[in-house]
Amino acid sequence: MDRLPLDSPYTISNELYGVLRHVLHDVGGQPDTPVPFTEKGEEDWEMNTYLTCECLGWRGVWNSEERRRRENDLGATLYFGLPYYARWLTVAIKALVDRGLITTDELGAKIDEIRVRLEAKRT
């Protein structure tokens, strides 16, 4: 099926206009299956992620608008596939690497260090 180019915003239907207005992160009002609300306490990693992201803001590394923009840029698969704070963590890491504040090698070494420490705690 060939795509028809849109030559004027005045000639599109209201339905098409509604579809074009929705960006990836703007899912308000779109149909979805009913999901029961369940109370959930935040896990330690979630609270630590929140605090880390707030500290990045206080230190001038980024602001909440950049965090949101970076989340939107994840693409549909990651945006909808990751839990809420996992998206925050993913974009925080990307921001730190993009700014040259950490390297991927340093990040990998820190992850390995933490993994070893957590395994030692479990035994």
PDB file of N, CA and C in Angstrom:
ATOM      1  N   MET A   1       0.843  -1.182   0.000  1.00  0.00           N
ATOM      2  CA  MET A   1       0.000   0.000   0.000  1.00  0.00           C
ATOM      3  C   MET A   1       0.885   1.242   0.000  1.00  0.00           C
ATOM      4  N   ASP A   2       0.619   2.141  -0.903  1.00  0.00           N
ATOM      5  CA  ASP A   2       1.398   3.368  -0.987  1.00  0.00           C
ATOM      6  C   ASP A   2       0.923   4.369   0.045  1.00  0.00           C
ATOM      7  N   ARG A   3       1.865   5.105   0.568  1.00  0.00           N
ATOM      8  CA  ARG A   3       1.551   6.153   1.531  1.00  0.00           C
ATOM      9  C   ARG A   3       1.140   7.400   0.773  1.00  0.00           C
ATOM     10  N   LEU A   4       0.064   8.015   1.224  1.00  0.00           N
ATOM     11  CA  LEU A   4      -0.393   9.251   0.597  1.00  0.00           C
ATOM     12  C   LEU A   4       0.184  10.439   1.357  1.00  0.00           C
ATOM     13  N   PRO A   5       0.921  11.313   0.672  1.00  0.00           N
ATOM     14  CA  PRO A   5       1.472  12.474   1.382  1.00  0.00           C
ATOM     15  C   PRO A   5       0.358  13.434   1.801  1.00  0.00           C
ATOM     16  N   LEU A   6       0.566  14.088   2.915  1.00  0.00           N
ATOM     17  CA  LEU A   6      -0.380  15.089   3.407  1.00  0.00           C
ATOM     18  C   LEU A   6       0.089  16.446   2.910  1.00  0.00           C
ATOM     19  N   ASP A   7      -0.717  17.064   2.061  1.00  0.00           N
ATOM     20  CA  ASP A   7      -0.273  18.330   1.486  1.00  0.00           C
ATOM     21  C   ASP A   7      -0.735  19.554   2.269  1.00  0.00           C
ATOM     22  N   SER A   8      -1.711  19.378   3.148  1.00  0.00           N
ATOM     23  CA  SER A   8      -2.201  20.527   3.891  1.00  0.00           C
ATOM     24  C   SER A   8      -2.835  20.058   5.188  1.00  0.00           C
ATOM     25  N   PRO A   9      -2.561  20.745   6.274  1.00  0.00           N
ATOM     26  CA  PRO A   9      -3.194  20.337   7.537  1.00  0.00           C
ATOM     27  C   PRO A   9      -4.695  20.602   7.547  1.00  0.00           C
ATOM     28  N   TYR A  10      -5.190  21.381   6.587  1.00  0.00           N
ATOM     29  CA  TYR A  10      -6.614  21.713   6.557  1.00  0.00           C
ATOM     30  C   TYR A  10      -7.454  20.649   5.861  1.00  0.00           C
ATOM     31  N   THR A  11      -6.814  19.697   5.210  1.00  0.00           N
ATOM     32  CA  THR A  11      -7.574  18.699   4.467  1.00  0.00           C
ATOM     33  C   THR A  11      -7.576  17.326   5.131  1.00  0.00           C
ATOM     34  N   ILE A  12      -7.078  17.224   6.353  1.00  0.00           N
ATOM     35  CA  ILE A  12      -7.091  15.934   7.023  1.00  0.00           C
ATOM     36  C   ILE A  12      -8.311  15.838   7.926  1.00  0.00           C
ATOM     37  N   SER A  13      -8.711  14.605   8.185  1.00  0.00           N
ATOM     38  CA  SER A  13      -9.891  14.390   9.016  1.00  0.00           C
ATOM     39  C   SER A  13      -9.563  14.656  10.491  1.00  0.00           C
ATOM     40  N   ASN A  14     -10.595  14.855  11.282  1.00  0.00           N
ATOM     41  CA  ASN A  14     -10.396  15.024  12.720  1.00  0.00           C
ATOM     42  C   ASN A  14      -9.767  13.777  13.324  1.00  0.00           C
ATOM     43  N   GLU A  15     -10.173  12.605  12.822  1.00  0.00           N
ATOM     44  CA  GLU A  15      -9.609  11.352  13.342  1.00  0.00           C
ATOM     45  C   GLU A  15      -8.106  11.281  13.070  1.00  0.00           C
ATOM     46  N   LEU A  16      -7.691  11.588  11.850  1.00  0.00           N
ATOM     47  CA  LEU A  16      -6.268  11.568  11.517  1.00  0.00           C
ATOM     48  C   LEU A  16      -5.515  12.625  12.315  1.00  0.00           C
ATOM     49  N   TYR A  17      -6.106  13.798  12.469  1.00  0.00           N
ATOM     50  CA  TYR A  17      -5.475  14.847  13.268  1.00  0.00           C
ATOM     51  C   TYR A  17      -5.248  14.362  14.698  1.00  0.00           C
ATOM     52  N   GLY A  18      -6.235  13.677  15.265  1.00  0.00           N
ATOM     53  CA  GLY A  18      -6.092  13.140  16.614  1.00  0.00           C
ATOM     54  C   GLY A  18      -4.954  12.146  16.724  1.00  0.00           C
ATOM     55  N   VAL A  19      -4.818  11.312  15.711  1.00  0.00           N
ATOM     56  CA  VAL A  19      -3.721  10.331  15.711  1.00  0.00           C
ATOM     57  C   VAL A  19      -2.373  11.042  15.608  1.00  0.00           C
ATOM     58  N   LEU A  20      -2.281  12.028  14.733  1.00  0.00           N
ATOM     59  CA  LEU A  20      -1.013  12.738  14.536  1.00  0.00           C
ATOM     60  C   LEU A  20      -0.597  13.549  15.753  1.00  0.00           C
ATOM     61  N   ARG A  21      -1.550  13.991  16.561  1.00  0.00           N
ATOM     62  CA  ARG A  21      -1.232  14.779  17.754  1.00  0.00           C
ATOM     63  C   ARG A  21      -0.595  13.952  18.847  1.00  0.00           C
ATOM     64  N   HIS A  22      -0.898  12.672  18.897  1.00  0.00           N
ATOM     65  CA  HIS A  22      -0.361  11.832  19.968  1.00  0.00           C
ATOM     66  C   HIS A  22       1.092  11.470  19.696  1.00  0.00           C
ATOM     67  N   VAL A  23       1.932  11.843  20.601  1.00  0.00           N
ATOM     68  CA  VAL A  23       3.323  11.419  20.529  1.00  0.00           C
ATOM     69  C   VAL A  23       3.488  10.213  21.443  1.00  0.00           C
ATOM     70  N   LEU A  24       4.613   9.571  21.363  1.00  0.00           N
ATOM     71  CA  LEU A  24       4.838   8.309  22.056  1.00  0.00           C
ATOM     72  C   LEU A  24       4.431   8.344  23.520  1.00  0.00           C
ATOM     73  N   HIS A  25       4.864   9.344  24.242  1.00  0.00           N
ATOM     74  CA  HIS A  25       4.622   9.380  25.678  1.00  0.00           C
ATOM     75  C   HIS A  25       3.229   9.858  26.040  1.00  0.00           C
ATOM     76  N   ASP A  26       2.477  10.399  25.094  1.00  0.00           N
ATOM     77  CA  ASP A  26       1.158  10.954  25.381  1.00  0.00           C
ATOM     78  C   ASP A  26       0.092   9.890  25.129  1.00  0.00           C
ATOM     79  N   VAL A  27      -0.145   9.054  26.129  1.00  0.00           N
ATOM     80  CA  VAL A  27      -1.096   7.961  25.959  1.00  0.00           C
ATOM     81  C   VAL A  27      -2.419   8.255  26.662  1.00  0.00           C
ATOM     82  N   GLY A  28      -2.558   9.439  27.209  1.00  0.00           N
ATOM     83  CA  GLY A  28      -3.785   9.802  27.898  1.00  0.00           C
ATOM     84  C   GLY A  28      -4.980   9.776  26.957  1.00  0.00           C
ATOM     85  N   GLY A  29      -6.042   9.137  27.398  1.00  0.00           N
ATOM     86  CA  GLY A  29      -7.261   9.081  26.614  1.00  0.00           C
ATOM     87  C   GLY A  29      -7.286   8.020  25.541  1.00  0.00           C
ATOM     88  N   GLN A  30      -6.177   7.336  25.323  1.00  0.00           N
ATOM     89  CA  GLN A  30      -6.170   6.273  24.334  1.00  0.00           C
ATOM     90  C   GLN A  30      -6.713   4.994  24.952  1.00  0.00           C
ATOM     91  N   PRO A  31      -7.372   4.175  24.150  1.00  0.00           N
ATOM     92  CA  PRO A  31      -7.958   2.953  24.707  1.00  0.00           C
ATOM     93  C   PRO A  31      -6.892   1.975  25.189  1.00  0.00           C
ATOM     94  N   ASP A  32      -7.215   1.267  26.247  1.00  0.00           N
ATOM     95  CA  ASP A  32      -6.318   0.254  26.793  1.00  0.00           C
ATOM     96  C   ASP A  32      -7.190  -0.749  27.534  1.00  0.00           C
ATOM     97  N   THR A  33      -6.610  -1.876  27.863  1.00  0.00           N
ATOM     98  CA  THR A  33      -7.366  -2.847  28.640  1.00  0.00           C
ATOM     99  C   THR A  33      -7.433  -2.374  30.083  1.00  0.00           C
ATOM    100  N   PRO A  34      -8.485  -2.717  30.793  1.00  0.00           N
ATOM    101  CA  PRO A  34      -8.581  -2.300  32.198  1.00  0.00           C
ATOM    102  C   PRO A  34      -7.462  -2.939  33.030  1.00  0.00           C
ATOM    103  N   VAL A  35      -6.843  -2.147  33.843  1.00  0.00           N
ATOM    104  CA  VAL A  35      -5.789  -2.634  34.728  1.00  0.00           C
ATOM    105  C   VAL A  35      -6.188  -2.287  36.151  1.00  0.00           C
ATOM    106  N   PRO A  36      -6.295  -3.304  37.000  1.00  0.00           N
ATOM    107  CA  PRO A  36      -6.680  -2.990  38.378  1.00  0.00           C
ATOM    108  C   PRO A  36      -5.564  -2.233  39.092  1.00  0.00           C
ATOM    109  N   PHE A  37      -5.955  -1.251  39.891  1.00  0.00           N
ATOM    110  CA  PHE A  37      -4.988  -0.494  40.672  1.00  0.00           C
ATOM    111  C   PHE A  37      -4.581  -1.320  41.882  1.00  0.00           C
ATOM    112  N   THR A  38      -3.294  -1.464  42.069  1.00  0.00           N
ATOM    113  CA  THR A  38      -2.791  -2.168  43.251  1.00  0.00           C
ATOM    114  C   THR A  38      -1.780  -1.261  43.944  1.00  0.00           C
ATOM    115  N   GLU A  39      -1.884  -1.188  45.251  1.00  0.00           N
ATOM    116  CA  GLU A  39      -0.910  -0.415  46.020  1.00  0.00           C
ATOM    117  C   GLU A  39       0.443  -1.095  45.911  1.00  0.00           C
ATOM    118  N   LYS A  40       1.467  -0.311  45.728  1.00  0.00           N
ATOM    119  CA  LYS A  40       2.811  -0.864  45.613  1.00  0.00           C
ATOM    120  C   LYS A  40       3.769   0.081  46.302  1.00  0.00           C
ATOM    121  N   GLY A  41       4.493  -0.433  47.229  1.00  0.00           N
ATOM    122  CA  GLY A  41       5.551   0.365  47.833  1.00  0.00           C
ATOM    123  C   GLY A  41       6.737   0.419  46.899  1.00  0.00           C
ATOM    124  N   GLU A  42       7.496   1.502  46.970  1.00  0.00           N
ATOM    125  CA  GLU A  42       8.673   1.602  46.118  1.00  0.00           C
ATOM    126  C   GLU A  42       9.789   0.736  46.667  1.00  0.00           C
ATOM    127  N   GLU A  43      10.453   0.057  45.773  1.00  0.00           N
ATOM    128  CA  GLU A  43      11.601  -0.757  46.150  1.00  0.00           C
ATOM    129  C   GLU A  43      12.815   0.154  46.317  1.00  0.00           C
ATOM    130  N   ASP A  44      13.840  -0.377  46.992  1.00  0.00           N
ATOM    131  CA  ASP A  44      15.037   0.432  47.244  1.00  0.00           C
ATOM    132  C   ASP A  44      15.638   0.982  45.952  1.00  0.00           C
ATOM    133  N   TRP A  45      15.750   0.139  44.920  1.00  0.00           N
ATOM    134  CA  TRP A  45      16.377   0.600  43.678  1.00  0.00           C
ATOM    135  C   TRP A  45      15.565   1.719  43.033  1.00  0.00           C
ATOM    136  N   GLU A  46      14.250   1.681  43.200  1.00  0.00           N
ATOM    137  CA  GLU A  46      13.414   2.728  42.628  1.00  0.00           C
ATOM    138  C   GLU A  46      13.642   4.059  43.347  1.00  0.00           C
ATOM    139  N   MET A  47      13.665   4.011  44.656  1.00  0.00           N
ATOM    140  CA  MET A  47      13.903   5.237  45.423  1.00  0.00           C
ATOM    141  C   MET A  47      15.321   5.756  45.170  1.00  0.00           C
ATOM    142  N   ASN A  48      16.295   4.858  45.089  1.00  0.00           N
ATOM    143  CA  ASN A  48      17.669   5.283  44.797  1.00  0.00           C
ATOM    144  C   ASN A  48      17.771   5.922  43.410  1.00  0.00           C
ATOM    145  N   THR A  49      17.035   5.375  42.449  1.00  0.00           N
ATOM    146  CA  THR A  49      17.018   5.957  41.103  1.00  0.00           C
ATOM    147  C   THR A  49      16.426   7.356  41.144  1.00  0.00           C
ATOM    148  N   TYR A  50      15.302   7.498  41.834  1.00  0.00           N
ATOM    149  CA  TYR A  50      14.668   8.813  41.959  1.00  0.00           C
ATOM    150  C   TYR A  50      15.643   9.820  42.578  1.00  0.00           C
ATOM    151  N   LEU A  51      16.275   9.435  43.676  1.00  0.00           N
ATOM    152  CA  LEU A  51      17.199  10.337  44.368  1.00  0.00           C
ATOM    153  C   LEU A  51      18.403  10.680  43.501  1.00  0.00           C
ATOM    154  N   THR A  52      18.929   9.699  42.789  1.00  0.00           N
ATOM    155  CA  THR A  52      20.062   9.941  41.897  1.00  0.00           C
ATOM    156  C   THR A  52      19.686  10.958  40.821  1.00  0.00           C
ATOM    157  N   CYS A  53      18.511  10.770  40.225  1.00  0.00           N
ATOM    158  CA  CYS A  53      18.070  11.692  39.174  1.00  0.00           C
ATOM    159  C   CYS A  53      17.841  13.095  39.721  1.00  0.00           C
ATOM    160  N   GLU A  54      17.307  13.201  40.925  1.00  0.00           N
ATOM    161  CA  GLU A  54      17.135  14.513  41.548  1.00  0.00           C
ATOM    162  C   GLU A  54      18.498  15.166  41.809  1.00  0.00           C
ATOM    163  N   CYS A  55      19.457  14.385  42.285  1.00  0.00           N
ATOM    164  CA  CYS A  55      20.803  14.927  42.529  1.00  0.00           C
ATOM    165  C   CYS A  55      21.452  15.390  41.231  1.00  0.00           C
ATOM    166  N   LEU A  56      21.228  14.652  40.136  1.00  0.00           N
ATOM    167  CA  LEU A  56      21.756  15.092  38.840  1.00  0.00           C
ATOM    168  C   LEU A  56      21.178  16.455  38.470  1.00  0.00           C
ATOM    169  N   GLY A  57      19.917  16.663  38.799  1.00  0.00           N
ATOM    170  CA  GLY A  57      19.306  17.962  38.544  1.00  0.00           C
ATOM    171  C   GLY A  57      19.901  19.045  39.417  1.00  0.00           C
ATOM    172  N   TRP A  58      20.056  18.757  40.698  1.00  0.00           N
ATOM    173  CA  TRP A  58      20.627  19.745  41.625  1.00  0.00           C
ATOM    174  C   TRP A  58      22.045  20.128  41.227  1.00  0.00           C
ATOM    175  N   ARG A  59      22.781  19.168  40.666  1.00  0.00           N
ATOM    176  CA  ARG A  59      24.163  19.424  40.270  1.00  0.00           C
ATOM    177  C   ARG A  59      24.269  20.041  38.869  1.00  0.00           C
ATOM    178  N   GLY A  60      23.136  20.243  38.219  1.00  0.00           N
ATOM    179  CA  GLY A  60      23.148  20.890  36.916  1.00  0.00           C
ATOM    180  C   GLY A  60      23.444  19.977  35.745  1.00  0.00           C
ATOM    181  N   VAL A  61      23.406  18.671  35.959  1.00  0.00           N
ATOM    182  CA  VAL A  61      23.671  17.735  34.868  1.00  0.00           C
ATOM    183  C   VAL A  61      22.506  17.727  33.885  1.00  0.00           C
ATOM    184  N   TRP A  62      21.289  17.867  34.401  1.00  0.00           N
ATOM    185  CA  TRP A  62      20.105  17.904  33.552  1.00  0.00           C
ATOM    186  C   TRP A  62      18.951  18.486  34.331  1.00  0.00           C
ATOM    187  N   ASN A  63      17.796  18.580  33.691  1.00  0.00           N
ATOM    188  CA  ASN A  63      16.589  19.011  34.384  1.00  0.00           C
ATOM    189  C   ASN A  63      15.456  18.045  34.028  1.00  0.00           C
ATOM    190  N   SER A  64      14.312  18.241  34.644  1.00  0.00           N
ATOM    191  CA  SER A  64      13.222  17.294  34.450  1.00  0.00           C
ATOM    192  C   SER A  64      12.730  17.274  33.006  1.00  0.00           C
ATOM    193  N   GLU A  65      12.807  18.397  32.321  1.00  0.00           N
ATOM    194  CA  GLU A  65      12.378  18.432  30.916  1.00  0.00           C
ATOM    195  C   GLU A  65      13.284  17.566  30.049  1.00  0.00           C
ATOM    196  N   GLU A  66      14.590  17.628  30.311  1.00  0.00           N
ATOM    197  CA  GLU A  66      15.504  16.790  29.537  1.00  0.00           C
ATOM    198  C   GLU A  66      15.258  15.319  29.839  1.00  0.00           C
ATOM    199  N   ARG A  67      15.011  15.000  31.112  1.00  0.00           N
ATOM    200  CA  ARG A  67      14.727  13.613  31.466  1.00  0.00           C
ATOM    201  C   ARG A  67      13.515  13.122  30.693  1.00  0.00           C
ATOM    202  N   ARG A  68      12.456  13.920  30.674  1.00  0.00           N
ATOM    203  CA  ARG A  68      11.247  13.527  29.947  1.00  0.00           C
ATOM    204  C   ARG A  68      11.520  13.376  28.457  1.00  0.00           C
ATOM    205  N   ARG A  69      12.256  14.319  27.891  1.00  0.00           N
ATOM    206  CA  ARG A  69      12.569  14.236  26.461  1.00  0.00           C
ATOM    207  C   ARG A  69      13.361  12.987  26.149  1.00  0.00           C
ATOM    208  N   ARG A  70      14.346  12.701  27.001  1.00  0.00           N
ATOM    209  CA  ARG A  70      15.151  11.502  26.781  1.00  0.00           C
ATOM    210  C   ARG A  70      14.298  10.235  26.903  1.00  0.00           C
ATOM    211  N   GLU A  71      13.347  10.225  27.827  1.00  0.00           N
ATOM    212  CA  GLU A  71      12.433   9.085  27.921  1.00  0.00           C
ATOM    213  C   GLU A  71      11.629   8.932  26.645  1.00  0.00           C
ATOM    214  N   ASN A  72      11.125  10.036  26.119  1.00  0.00           N
ATOM    215  CA  ASN A  72      10.340   9.984  24.889  1.00  0.00           C
ATOM    216  C   ASN A  72      11.168   9.446  23.731  1.00  0.00           C
ATOM    217  N   ASP A  73      12.463   9.739  23.748  1.00  0.00           N
ATOM    218  CA  ASP A  73      13.352   9.306  22.670  1.00  0.00           C
ATOM    219  C   ASP A  73      13.762   7.842  22.769  1.00  0.00           C
ATOM    220  N   LEU A  74      13.332   7.149  23.819  1.00  0.00           N
ATOM    221  CA  LEU A  74      13.698   5.739  23.955  1.00  0.00           C
ATOM    222  C   LEU A  74      13.091   4.869  22.856  1.00  0.00           C
ATOM    223  N   GLY A  75      11.990   5.290  22.307  1.00  0.00           N
ATOM    224  CA  GLY A  75      11.271   4.468  21.335  1.00  0.00           C
ATOM    225  C   GLY A  75      10.213   3.647  22.048  1.00  0.00           C
ATOM    226  N   ALA A  76       9.227   3.212  21.300  1.00  0.00           N
ATOM    227  CA  ALA A  76       8.060   2.546  21.876  1.00  0.00           C
ATOM    228  C   ALA A  76       8.416   1.278  22.634  1.00  0.00           C
ATOM    229  N   THR A  77       9.315   0.471  22.102  1.00  0.00           N
ATOM    230  CA  THR A  77       9.633  -0.806  22.740  1.00  0.00           C
ATOM    231  C   THR A  77      10.188  -0.607  24.143  1.00  0.00           C
ATOM    232  N   LEU A  78      11.181   0.272  24.287  1.00  0.00           N
ATOM    233  CA  LEU A  78      11.754   0.523  25.608  1.00  0.00           C
ATOM    234  C   LEU A  78      10.807   1.320  26.486  1.00  0.00           C
ATOM    235  N   TYR A  79      10.162   2.330  25.911  1.00  0.00           N
ATOM    236  CA  TYR A  79       9.279   3.179  26.713  1.00  0.00           C
ATOM    237  C   TYR A  79       8.179   2.355  27.369  1.00  0.00           C
ATOM    238  N   PHE A  80       7.515   1.521  26.594  1.00  0.00           N
ATOM    239  CA  PHE A  80       6.422   0.726  27.143  1.00  0.00           C
ATOM    240  C   PHE A  80       6.893  -0.572  27.790  1.00  0.00           C
ATOM    241  N   GLY A  81       8.123  -1.002  27.489  1.00  0.00           N
ATOM    242  CA  GLY A  81       8.623  -2.267  28.014  1.00  0.00           C
ATOM    243  C   GLY A  81       9.336  -2.168  29.346  1.00  0.00           C
ATOM    244  N   LEU A  82       9.812  -0.987  29.687  1.00  0.00           N
ATOM    245  CA  LEU A  82      10.539  -0.819  30.940  1.00  0.00           C
ATOM    246  C   LEU A  82       9.621  -0.291  32.032  1.00  0.00           C
ATOM    247  N   PRO A  83       9.839  -0.721  33.268  1.00  0.00           N
ATOM    248  CA  PRO A  83       9.103  -0.111  34.376  1.00  0.00           C
ATOM    249  C   PRO A  83       9.459   1.380  34.479  1.00  0.00           C
ATOM    250  N   TYR A  84       8.610   2.122  35.150  1.00  0.00           N
ATOM    251  CA  TYR A  84       8.732   3.575  35.259  1.00  0.00           C
ATOM    252  C   TYR A  84      10.138   4.024  35.649  1.00  0.00           C
ATOM    253  N   TYR A  85      10.650   3.554  36.783  1.00  0.00           N
ATOM    254  CA  TYR A  85      11.964   4.021  37.238  1.00  0.00           C
ATOM    255  C   TYR A  85      13.106   3.415  36.439  1.00  0.00           C
ATOM    256  N   ALA A  86      12.872   2.305  35.770  1.00  0.00           N
ATOM    257  CA  ALA A  86      13.908   1.761  34.887  1.00  0.00           C
ATOM    258  C   ALA A  86      14.116   2.694  33.696  1.00  0.00           C
ATOM    259  N   ARG A  87      13.046   3.353  33.248  1.00  0.00           N
ATOM    260  CA  ARG A  87      13.211   4.362  32.191  1.00  0.00           C
ATOM    261  C   ARG A  87      14.054   5.520  32.703  1.00  0.00           C
ATOM    262  N   TRP A  88      13.785   5.977  33.923  1.00  0.00           N
ATOM    263  CA  TRP A  88      14.584   7.058  34.509  1.00  0.00           C
ATOM    264  C   TRP A  88      16.059   6.654  34.562  1.00  0.00           C
ATOM    265  N   LEU A  89      16.314   5.449  35.041  1.00  0.00           N
ATOM    266  CA  LEU A  89      17.689   4.975  35.180  1.00  0.00           C
ATOM    267  C   LEU A  89      18.380   4.881  33.824  1.00  0.00           C
ATOM    268  N   THR A  90      17.675   4.362  32.843  1.00  0.00           N
ATOM    269  CA  THR A  90      18.237   4.217  31.500  1.00  0.00           C
ATOM    270  C   THR A  90      18.638   5.566  30.922  1.00  0.00           C
ATOM    271  N   VAL A  91      17.771   6.568  31.042  1.00  0.00           N
ATOM    272  CA  VAL A  91      18.097   7.864  30.458  1.00  0.00           C
ATOM    273  C   VAL A  91      19.132   8.619  31.291  1.00  0.00           C
ATOM    274  N   ALA A  92      19.183   8.367  32.590  1.00  0.00           N
ATOM    275  CA  ALA A  92      20.232   8.988  33.414  1.00  0.00           C
ATOM    276  C   ALA A  92      21.606   8.481  32.980  1.00  0.00           C
ATOM    277  N   ILE A  93      21.709   7.189  32.784  1.00  0.00           N
ATOM    278  CA  ILE A  93      22.982   6.612  32.335  1.00  0.00           C
ATOM    279  C   ILE A  93      23.370   7.187  30.982  1.00  0.00           C
ATOM    280  N   LYS A  94      22.406   7.236  30.076  1.00  0.00           N
ATOM    281  CA  LYS A  94      22.697   7.777  28.744  1.00  0.00           C
ATOM    282  C   LYS A  94      23.149   9.232  28.832  1.00  0.00           C
ATOM    283  N   ALA A  95      22.516  10.031  29.677  1.00  0.00           N
ATOM    284  CA  ALA A  95      22.911  11.438  29.827  1.00  0.00           C
ATOM    285  C   ALA A  95      24.342  11.545  30.353  1.00  0.00           C
ATOM    286  N   LEU A  96      24.685  10.718  31.342  1.00  0.00           N
ATOM    287  CA  LEU A  96      26.039  10.771  31.907  1.00  0.00           C
ATOM    288  C   LEU A  96      27.091  10.369  30.874  1.00  0.00           C
ATOM    289  N   VAL A  97      26.783   9.341  30.093  1.00  0.00           N
ATOM    290  CA  VAL A  97      27.725   8.901  29.056  1.00  0.00           C
ATOM    291  C   VAL A  97      27.807   9.952  27.949  1.00  0.00           C
ATOM    292  N   ASP A  98      26.659  10.464  27.506  1.00  0.00           N
ATOM    293  CA  ASP A  98      26.651  11.474  26.436  1.00  0.00           C
ATOM    294  C   ASP A  98      27.456  12.707  26.809  1.00  0.00           C
ATOM    295  N   ARG A  99      27.445  13.085  28.082  1.00  0.00           N
ATOM    296  CA  ARG A  99      28.185  14.275  28.527  1.00  0.00           C
ATOM    297  C   ARG A  99      29.646  13.972  28.867  1.00  0.00           C
ATOM    298  N   GLY A 100      30.034  12.715  28.759  1.00  0.00           N
ATOM    299  CA  GLY A 100      31.416  12.352  29.052  1.00  0.00           C
ATOM    300  C   GLY A 100      31.739  12.330  30.531  1.00  0.00           C
ATOM    301  N   LEU A 101      30.711  12.269  31.390  1.00  0.00           N
ATOM    302  CA  LEU A 101      30.944  12.227  32.831  1.00  0.00           C
ATOM    303  C   LEU A 101      31.328  10.831  33.305  1.00  0.00           C
ATOM    304  N   ILE A 102      30.909   9.818  32.564  1.00  0.00           N
ATOM    305  CA  ILE A 102      31.362   8.448  32.783  1.00  0.00           C
ATOM    306  C   ILE A 102      31.542   7.789  31.420  1.00  0.00           C
ATOM    307  N   THR A 103      32.327   6.749  31.385  1.00  0.00           N
ATOM    308  CA  THR A 103      32.468   5.969  30.153  1.00  0.00           C
ATOM    309  C   THR A 103      31.698   4.664  30.311  1.00  0.00           C
ATOM    310  N   THR A 104      31.434   4.020  29.200  1.00  0.00           N
ATOM    311  CA  THR A 104      30.738   2.729  29.288  1.00  0.00           C
ATOM    312  C   THR A 104      31.606   1.690  29.993  1.00  0.00           C
ATOM    313  N   ASP A 105      32.920   1.798  29.863  1.00  0.00           N
ATOM    314  CA  ASP A 105      33.818   0.881  30.586  1.00  0.00           C
ATOM    315  C   ASP A 105      33.724   1.095  32.096  1.00  0.00           C
ATOM    316  N   GLU A 106      33.702   2.365  32.525  1.00  0.00           N
ATOM    317  CA  GLU A 106      33.554   2.670  33.953  1.00  0.00           C
ATOM    318  C   GLU A 106      32.210   2.176  34.468  1.00  0.00           C
ATOM    319  N   LEU A 107      31.181   2.368  33.679  1.00  0.00           N
ATOM    320  CA  LEU A 107      29.851   1.908  34.062  1.00  0.00           C
ATOM    321  C   LEU A 107      29.831   0.394  34.212  1.00  0.00           C
ATOM    322  N   GLY A 108      30.382  -0.316  33.240  1.00  0.00           N
ATOM    323  CA  GLY A 108      30.435  -1.779  33.311  1.00  0.00           C
ATOM    324  C   GLY A 108      31.212  -2.268  34.522  1.00  0.00           C
ATOM    325  N   ALA A 109      32.339  -1.609  34.814  1.00  0.00           N
ATOM    326  CA  ALA A 109      33.143  -1.996  35.981  1.00  0.00           C
ATOM    327  C   ALA A 109      32.366  -1.769  37.274  1.00  0.00           C
ATOM    328  N   LYS A 110      31.633  -0.673  37.367  1.00  0.00           N
ATOM    329  CA  LYS A 110      30.846  -0.379  38.570  1.00  0.00           C
ATOM    330  C   LYS A 110      29.709  -1.393  38.721  1.00  0.00           C
ATOM    331  N   ILE A 111      29.057  -1.733  37.618  1.00  0.00           N
ATOM    332  CA  ILE A 111      27.989  -2.740  37.672  1.00  0.00           C
ATOM    333  C   ILE A 111      28.546  -4.079  38.153  1.00  0.00           C
ATOM    334  N   ASP A 112      29.708  -4.474  37.631  1.00  0.00           N
ATOM    335  CA  ASP A 112      30.343  -5.730  38.077  1.00  0.00           C
ATOM    336  C   ASP A 112      30.678  -5.673  39.565  1.00  0.00           C
ATOM    337  N   GLU A 113      31.214  -4.541  40.013  1.00  0.00           N
ATOM    338  CA  GLU A 113      31.565  -4.370  41.428  1.00  0.00           C
ATOM    339  C   GLU A 113      30.325  -4.522  42.317  1.00  0.00           C
ATOM    340  N   ILE A 114      29.251  -3.893  41.923  1.00  0.00           N
ATOM    341  CA  ILE A 114      28.017  -3.970  42.711  1.00  0.00           C
ATOM    342  C   ILE A 114      27.439  -5.377  42.685  1.00  0.00           C
ATOM    343  N   ARG A 115      27.497  -6.018  41.535  1.00  0.00           N
ATOM    344  CA  ARG A 115      26.991  -7.385  41.420  1.00  0.00           C
ATOM    345  C   ARG A 115      27.741  -8.322  42.371  1.00  0.00           C
ATOM    346  N   VAL A 116      29.057  -8.194  42.431  1.00  0.00           N
ATOM    347  CA  VAL A 116      29.865  -9.017  43.338  1.00  0.00           C
ATOM    348  C   VAL A 116      29.490  -8.727  44.791  1.00  0.00           C
ATOM    349  N   ARG A 117      29.347  -7.449  45.113  1.00  0.00           N
ATOM    350  CA  ARG A 117      28.992  -7.067  46.475  1.00  0.00           C
ATOM    351  C   ARG A 117      27.620  -7.621  46.868  1.00  0.00           C
ATOM    352  N   LEU A 118      26.638  -7.564  45.981  1.00  0.00           N
ATOM    353  CA  LEU A 118      25.318  -8.086  46.274  1.00  0.00           C
ATOM    354  C   LEU A 118      25.324  -9.618  46.420  1.00  0.00           C
ATOM    355  N   GLU A 119      26.104 -10.269  45.587  1.00  0.00           N
ATOM    356  CA  GLU A 119      26.217 -11.737  45.686  1.00  0.00           C
ATOM    357  C   GLU A 119      26.847 -12.131  47.023  1.00  0.00           C
ATOM    358  N   ALA A 120      27.837 -11.372  47.466  1.00  0.00           N
ATOM    359  CA  ALA A 120      28.489 -11.662  48.759  1.00  0.00           C
ATOM    360  C   ALA A 120      27.507 -11.478  49.912  1.00  0.00           C
ATOM    361  N   LYS A 121      26.610 -10.511  49.787  1.00  0.00           N
ATOM    362  CA  LYS A 121      25.602 -10.272  50.816  1.00  0.00           C
ATOM    363  C   LYS A 121      24.629 -11.437  50.923  1.00  0.00           C
ATOM    364  N   ARG A 122      24.299 -12.032  49.789  1.00  0.00           N
ATOM    365  CA  ARG A 122      23.321 -13.120  49.740  1.00  0.00           C
ATOM    366  C   ARG A 122      23.859 -14.411  50.340  1.00  0.00           C
ATOM    367  N   THR A 123      25.147 -14.556  50.344  1.00  0.00           N
ATOM    368  CA  THR A 123      25.724 -15.824  50.854  1.00  0.00           C
ATOM    369  C   THR A 123      26.147 -15.721  52.291  1.00  0.00           C
TER     370      THR A 123
END
